[in-house]
């Protein structure tokens, strides 16, 4: 059984659950509302970096060579809703297609 770091493995009940320790760990973990947003300049720099990476990313996807795309870039595109996973396939969202139109790209659907 995998245990969260910092949580001692103890048996509670017949299933061996570590309910008390996990509850304590979850109570002390930061909540999504306490996560600090990056500064506006950092977000703009990230968006500009992703806009620059978009043409080559689309080209790789059209050639069915997603293996050549940096996984961090894919995660960033998905996080800002420019791309989405659909049945194991990465594709542009409506927002992603709008960004392509803004930078003069015409991706195939």
C-alpha atoms as a PDB file:
ATOM      1  CA  UNK A   1       0.000   0.000   0.000  1.00  0.00           C
ATOM      2  CA  UNK A   2       1.414   3.399  -0.928  1.00  0.00           C
ATOM      3  CA  UNK A   3       1.317   5.969   1.817  1.00  0.00           C
ATOM      4  CA  UNK A   4       1.559   9.719   1.520  1.00  0.00           C
ATOM      5  CA  UNK A   5       5.021  10.962   2.648  1.00  0.00           C
ATOM      6  CA  UNK A   6       4.993  11.931   6.270  1.00  0.00           C
ATOM      7  CA  UNK A   7       2.112   9.583   7.103  1.00  0.00           C
ATOM      8  CA  UNK A   8       2.963   6.639   9.295  1.00  0.00           C
ATOM      9  CA  UNK A   9       1.571   3.338   8.179  1.00  0.00           C
ATOM     10  CA  UNK A  10      -0.737   2.017  10.866  1.00  0.00           C
ATOM     11  CA  UNK A  11      -3.638  -0.369  10.708  1.00  0.00           C
ATOM     12  CA  UNK A  12      -7.087   0.925  11.592  1.00  0.00           C
ATOM     13  CA  UNK A  13      -9.873  -1.566  11.248  1.00  0.00           C
ATOM     14  CA  UNK A  14      -9.832  -4.784   9.322  1.00  0.00           C
ATOM     15  CA  UNK A  15      -9.035  -3.138   5.957  1.00  0.00           C
ATOM     16  CA  UNK A  16      -5.802  -1.690   7.215  1.00  0.00           C
ATOM     17  CA  UNK A  17      -6.943   1.829   6.324  1.00  0.00           C
ATOM     18  CA  UNK A  18      -4.935   4.738   7.567  1.00  0.00           C
ATOM     19  CA  UNK A  19      -7.925   7.000   7.784  1.00  0.00           C
ATOM     20  CA  UNK A  20      -6.781   9.110  10.717  1.00  0.00           C
ATOM     21  CA  UNK A  21      -3.355   9.825   9.266  1.00  0.00           C
ATOM     22  CA  UNK A  22      -4.716  10.595   5.801  1.00  0.00           C
ATOM     23  CA  UNK A  23      -7.384  12.856   7.246  1.00  0.00           C
ATOM     24  CA  UNK A  24      -4.694  14.754   9.164  1.00  0.00           C
ATOM     25  CA  UNK A  25      -2.531  15.009   6.054  1.00  0.00           C
ATOM     26  CA  UNK A  26      -5.436  16.277   3.962  1.00  0.00           C
ATOM     27  CA  UNK A  27      -6.369  18.818   6.596  1.00  0.00           C
ATOM     28  CA  UNK A  28      -2.850  20.286   6.541  1.00  0.00           C
ATOM     29  CA  UNK A  29      -2.438  20.257   2.739  1.00  0.00           C
ATOM     30  CA  UNK A  30      -2.931  23.587   0.964  1.00  0.00           C
ATOM     31  CA  UNK A  31      -6.372  24.037  -0.530  1.00  0.00           C
ATOM     32  CA  UNK A  32      -6.768  25.126  -4.165  1.00  0.00           C
ATOM     33  CA  UNK A  33      -7.990  28.524  -2.987  1.00  0.00           C
ATOM     34  CA  UNK A  34      -4.742  29.093  -1.077  1.00  0.00           C
ATOM     35  CA  UNK A  35      -2.564  28.469  -4.131  1.00  0.00           C
ATOM     36  CA  UNK A  36      -0.970  31.718  -5.262  1.00  0.00           C
ATOM     37  CA  UNK A  37      -1.356  32.719  -8.913  1.00  0.00           C
ATOM     38  CA  UNK A  38       1.867  33.552 -10.763  1.00  0.00           C
ATOM     39  CA  UNK A  39       2.482  37.250 -11.454  1.00  0.00           C
ATOM     40  CA  UNK A  40       0.837  38.742 -14.527  1.00  0.00           C
ATOM     41  CA  UNK A  41       4.192  39.145 -16.298  1.00  0.00           C
ATOM     42  CA  UNK A  42       4.949  35.458 -15.814  1.00  0.00           C
ATOM     43  CA  UNK A  43       1.538  34.465 -17.188  1.00  0.00           C
ATOM     44  CA  UNK A  44       2.022  36.712 -20.232  1.00  0.00           C
ATOM     45  CA  UNK A  45       5.491  35.294 -20.835  1.00  0.00           C
ATOM     46  CA  UNK A  46       4.074  31.761 -20.611  1.00  0.00           C
ATOM     47  CA  UNK A  47       1.295  32.607 -23.058  1.00  0.00           C
ATOM     48  CA  UNK A  48       3.770  34.145 -25.512  1.00  0.00           C
ATOM     49  CA  UNK A  49       5.979  31.051 -25.239  1.00  0.00           C
ATOM     50  CA  UNK A  50       2.965  28.836 -25.955  1.00  0.00           C
ATOM     51  CA  UNK A  51       1.859  31.004 -28.893  1.00  0.00           C
ATOM     52  CA  UNK A  52       5.345  30.571 -30.357  1.00  0.00           C
ATOM     53  CA  UNK A  53       5.184  26.784 -29.831  1.00  0.00           C
ATOM     54  CA  UNK A  54       1.680  26.411 -31.281  1.00  0.00           C
ATOM     55  CA  UNK A  55       2.571  26.231 -35.021  1.00  0.00           C
ATOM     56  CA  UNK A  56       5.122  23.443 -34.603  1.00  0.00           C
ATOM     57  CA  UNK A  57       2.841  21.621 -32.170  1.00  0.00           C
ATOM     58  CA  UNK A  58      -0.015  21.674 -34.671  1.00  0.00           C
ATOM     59  CA  UNK A  59       2.310  20.481 -37.413  1.00  0.00           C
ATOM     60  CA  UNK A  60       3.421  17.522 -35.270  1.00  0.00           C
ATOM     61  CA  UNK A  61      -0.195  16.672 -34.483  1.00  0.00           C
ATOM     62  CA  UNK A  62      -1.189  16.802 -38.158  1.00  0.00           C
ATOM     63  CA  UNK A  63       1.692  14.468 -38.990  1.00  0.00           C
ATOM     64  CA  UNK A  64       0.614  12.219 -36.095  1.00  0.00           C
ATOM     65  CA  UNK A  65       3.947  12.775 -34.339  1.00  0.00           C
ATOM     66  CA  UNK A  66       2.775  13.886 -30.908  1.00  0.00           C
ATOM     67  CA  UNK A  67       5.763  12.008 -29.499  1.00  0.00           C
ATOM     68  CA  UNK A  68       7.917  14.934 -30.676  1.00  0.00           C
ATOM     69  CA  UNK A  69       6.012  17.448 -28.531  1.00  0.00           C
ATOM     70  CA  UNK A  70       7.436  18.247 -25.106  1.00  0.00           C
ATOM     71  CA  UNK A  71       5.047  16.791 -22.485  1.00  0.00           C
ATOM     72  CA  UNK A  72       5.357  19.991 -20.436  1.00  0.00           C
ATOM     73  CA  UNK A  73       4.118  21.991 -23.436  1.00  0.00           C
ATOM     74  CA  UNK A  74       1.188  19.608 -23.872  1.00  0.00           C
ATOM     75  CA  UNK A  75       0.315  19.985 -20.189  1.00  0.00           C
ATOM     76  CA  UNK A  76       0.481  23.778 -20.529  1.00  0.00           C
ATOM     77  CA  UNK A  77      -1.790  23.784 -23.595  1.00  0.00           C
ATOM     78  CA  UNK A  78      -4.302  21.586 -21.775  1.00  0.00           C
ATOM     79  CA  UNK A  79      -4.086  23.697 -18.605  1.00  0.00           C
ATOM     80  CA  UNK A  80      -4.976  26.906 -20.451  1.00  0.00           C
ATOM     81  CA  UNK A  81      -7.674  25.137 -22.487  1.00  0.00           C
ATOM     82  CA  UNK A  82      -6.077  25.533 -25.909  1.00  0.00           C
ATOM     83  CA  UNK A  83      -5.996  21.742 -26.345  1.00  0.00           C
ATOM     84  CA  UNK A  84      -7.855  18.805 -24.874  1.00  0.00           C
ATOM     85  CA  UNK A  85      -7.597  15.051 -24.747  1.00  0.00           C
ATOM     86  CA  UNK A  86     -10.385  13.344 -26.655  1.00  0.00           C
ATOM     87  CA  UNK A  87     -10.387   9.564 -26.705  1.00  0.00           C
ATOM     88  CA  UNK A  88      -6.600   9.382 -26.401  1.00  0.00           C
ATOM     89  CA  UNK A  89      -6.102  12.030 -29.077  1.00  0.00           C
ATOM     90  CA  UNK A  90      -4.890  15.539 -28.463  1.00  0.00           C
ATOM     91  CA  UNK A  91      -6.916  18.170 -30.296  1.00  0.00           C
ATOM     92  CA  UNK A  92      -7.478  21.918 -30.364  1.00  0.00           C
ATOM     93  CA  UNK A  93     -10.330  23.390 -28.381  1.00  0.00           C
ATOM     94  CA  UNK A  94     -12.463  26.269 -29.631  1.00  0.00           C
ATOM     95  CA  UNK A  95     -10.129  28.595 -27.754  1.00  0.00           C
ATOM     96  CA  UNK A  96      -7.131  26.957 -29.392  1.00  0.00           C
ATOM     97  CA  UNK A  97      -8.670  27.392 -32.843  1.00  0.00           C
ATOM     98  CA  UNK A  98      -9.345  31.059 -32.037  1.00  0.00           C
ATOM     99  CA  UNK A  99      -5.706  31.545 -31.028  1.00  0.00           C
ATOM    100  CA  UNK A 100      -4.652  29.938 -34.317  1.00  0.00           C
ATOM    101  CA  UNK A 101      -6.863  32.387 -36.194  1.00  0.00           C
ATOM    102  CA  UNK A 102      -5.287  35.280 -34.289  1.00  0.00           C
ATOM    103  CA  UNK A 103      -1.775  34.249 -35.301  1.00  0.00           C
ATOM    104  CA  UNK A 104      -2.752  33.366 -38.874  1.00  0.00           C
ATOM    105  CA  UNK A 105      -2.716  29.555 -38.716  1.00  0.00           C
ATOM    106  CA  UNK A 106      -5.285  27.352 -40.415  1.00  0.00           C
ATOM    107  CA  UNK A 107      -5.128  23.981 -38.691  1.00  0.00           C
ATOM    108  CA  UNK A 108      -6.921  21.001 -40.162  1.00  0.00           C
ATOM    109  CA  UNK A 109      -9.826  19.763 -38.066  1.00  0.00           C
END
